């Protein structure tokens, strides 16, 4: 095969085009432009719920939930569950962690599980967290 001037330029042009395509691909993979990082928070970052009732059934006489936050001036505005009542009832400040006693709304035996909603309010935040609580009712229904 004779190497003519036309073939030489054609080969060089094809080779340089391939290099440009590879170079463009490498640049796009490196991420030219803005780097965006979005952080989302879970409830642990602003509201902490602790207590055995979150992981296993606890006898009603021992059922408590501790609520804590690192946000300044935060208040528990709502604390709701159809099967349970809470003492203290909202609103209350979370300047320090607060331990809330849980009782059943009616007389039951056996494990009662319900979703509790904790609503938190502060100067710059309004949020709610839901968790399941499990309480073992120990009072027998009246005959």
Protein backbone atom coordinates (compact mmCIF):
# COMPACT_ATOMS: atom_id res chain seq x y z
CA UNK A 1 0.00 0.00 0.00
CA UNK A 2 1.40 3.32 -1.09
CA UNK A 3 1.46 6.07 1.47
CA UNK A 4 0.15 9.09 -0.33
CA UNK A 5 -0.18 12.55 1.04
CA UNK A 6 -3.98 12.17 1.14
CA UNK A 7 -3.80 8.91 3.15
CA UNK A 8 -1.24 10.41 5.52
CA UNK A 9 -3.46 13.42 6.29
CA UNK A 10 -6.52 11.15 6.59
CA UNK A 11 -4.73 8.90 9.09
CA UNK A 12 -3.50 11.87 11.12
CA UNK A 13 -6.98 13.45 11.13
CA UNK A 14 -8.62 10.19 12.26
CA UNK A 15 -6.02 9.72 15.01
CA UNK A 16 -6.38 13.25 16.31
CA UNK A 17 -10.21 13.01 16.30
CA UNK A 18 -10.03 9.87 18.38
CA UNK A 19 -7.77 11.60 20.88
CA UNK A 20 -10.15 14.53 21.13
CA UNK A 21 -13.12 12.26 21.75
CA UNK A 22 -11.23 10.37 24.45
CA UNK A 23 -10.06 13.65 25.95
CA UNK A 24 -13.61 15.05 25.99
CA UNK A 25 -14.89 11.87 27.60
CA UNK A 26 -12.22 12.01 30.30
CA UNK A 27 -13.03 15.66 31.07
CA UNK A 28 -16.74 14.97 31.45
CA UNK A 29 -16.03 12.12 33.81
CA UNK A 30 -13.79 14.33 35.92
CA UNK A 31 -16.78 16.56 36.53
CA UNK A 32 -16.14 19.93 34.98
CA UNK A 33 -18.41 22.54 36.53
CA UNK A 34 -19.92 22.89 39.97
CA UNK A 35 -19.65 20.33 42.71
CA UNK A 36 -22.92 19.99 44.57
CA UNK A 37 -23.22 18.21 47.89
CA UNK A 38 -26.61 17.86 49.50
CA UNK A 39 -26.84 16.66 53.07
CA UNK A 40 -30.11 15.43 54.45
CA UNK A 41 -30.63 14.95 58.14
CA UNK A 42 -32.32 12.12 59.90
CA UNK A 43 -34.09 12.50 63.20
CA UNK A 44 -30.88 11.76 65.14
CA UNK A 45 -29.43 15.13 64.13
CA UNK A 46 -32.19 17.23 65.64
CA UNK A 47 -34.40 14.98 67.74
CA UNK A 48 -33.40 11.91 69.73
CA UNK A 49 -35.95 9.43 71.07
CA UNK A 50 -34.73 6.86 73.58
CA UNK A 51 -36.46 4.16 75.58
CA UNK A 52 -37.04 0.43 75.67
CA UNK A 53 -40.59 0.91 74.35
CA UNK A 54 -39.05 1.65 70.93
CA UNK A 55 -37.47 -1.80 70.60
CA UNK A 56 -39.50 -4.23 72.70
CA UNK A 57 -42.71 -4.34 74.73
CA UNK A 58 -42.29 -2.82 78.18
CA UNK A 59 -44.69 -3.19 81.10
CA UNK A 60 -46.95 -0.16 81.37
CA UNK A 61 -45.62 0.56 84.88
CA UNK A 62 -42.12 1.03 83.39
CA UNK A 63 -42.99 2.58 80.02
CA UNK A 64 -41.14 5.84 79.43
CA UNK A 65 -39.78 7.73 76.44
CA UNK A 66 -36.88 10.19 76.71
CA UNK A 67 -36.89 13.07 74.23
CA UNK A 68 -33.79 15.17 73.58
CA UNK A 69 -32.44 17.63 71.04
CA UNK A 70 -29.37 19.79 70.46
CA UNK A 71 -31.41 22.62 68.99
CA UNK A 72 -31.63 25.70 71.16
CA UNK A 73 -35.05 26.86 72.34
CA UNK A 74 -36.77 23.72 71.03
CA UNK A 75 -40.22 22.79 72.28
CA UNK A 76 -42.20 19.59 71.93
CA UNK A 77 -45.43 20.97 70.50
CA UNK A 78 -47.20 17.66 69.86
CA UNK A 79 -46.87 14.16 71.29
CA UNK A 80 -49.62 11.94 69.96
CA UNK A 81 -50.60 8.28 69.68
CA UNK A 82 -54.11 6.86 69.64
CA UNK A 83 -53.36 4.09 72.15
CA UNK A 84 -51.23 6.08 74.61
CA UNK A 85 -51.32 9.18 76.80
CA UNK A 86 -48.21 11.01 77.96
CA UNK A 87 -47.15 12.79 81.14
CA UNK A 88 -46.07 15.54 80.89
CA UNK A 89 -48.32 16.53 78.01
CA UNK A 90 -47.07 19.07 75.46
CA UNK A 91 -46.06 21.75 75.10
CA UNK A 92 -42.82 21.45 77.04
CA UNK A 93 -39.30 22.76 76.59
CA UNK A 94 -36.34 20.60 75.61
CA UNK A 95 -33.70 22.79 77.24
CA UNK A 96 -32.82 19.49 78.98
CA UNK A 97 -33.88 15.95 78.01
CA UNK A 98 -37.42 15.15 79.13
CA UNK A 99 -38.56 11.68 80.18
CA UNK A 100 -42.26 11.13 79.50
CA UNK A 101 -44.35 8.46 81.22
CA UNK A 102 -46.56 6.42 78.89
CA UNK A 103 -49.91 4.93 79.87
CA UNK A 104 -52.59 3.17 77.84
CA UNK A 105 -55.68 5.19 76.94
CA UNK A 106 -57.93 2.28 77.91
CA UNK A 107 -57.72 -0.93 79.92
CA UNK A 108 -55.96 -3.68 77.94
CA UNK A 109 -53.84 -6.73 78.50
CA UNK A 110 -51.14 -7.90 76.13
CA UNK A 111 -48.87 -5.91 73.88
CA UNK A 112 -50.24 -2.65 72.51
CA UNK A 113 -48.24 -1.13 69.65
CA UNK A 114 -49.01 2.24 68.14
CA UNK A 115 -47.21 4.96 66.21
CA UNK A 116 -46.26 8.01 68.23
CA UNK A 117 -45.72 11.36 66.54
CA UNK A 118 -43.39 13.88 68.17
CA UNK A 119 -43.68 17.40 66.78
CA UNK A 120 -40.75 19.71 67.46
CA UNK A 121 -40.81 23.49 67.11
CA UNK A 122 -38.04 26.02 67.46
CA UNK A 123 -37.10 29.44 66.12
CA UNK A 124 -36.04 28.01 62.75
CA UNK A 125 -37.54 24.52 62.66
CA UNK A 126 -40.90 22.79 62.57
CA UNK A 127 -40.63 19.05 62.18
CA UNK A 128 -42.18 15.77 63.20
CA UNK A 129 -40.84 12.27 63.79
CA UNK A 130 -42.86 9.07 63.96
CA UNK A 131 -41.85 5.91 65.83
CA UNK A 132 -43.63 2.78 67.00
CA UNK A 133 -44.02 2.25 70.74
CA UNK A 134 -44.85 -1.10 72.34
CA UNK A 135 -46.39 -1.27 75.80
CA UNK A 136 -47.46 -4.39 77.68
CA UNK A 137 -50.86 -3.83 79.27
CA UNK A 138 -51.01 -5.49 82.67
CA UNK A 139 -54.45 -4.55 83.93
CA UNK A 140 -57.15 -7.13 83.28
CA UNK A 141 -60.42 -5.79 81.88
CA UNK A 142 -63.26 -5.59 84.39
CA UNK A 143 -65.90 -8.33 84.16
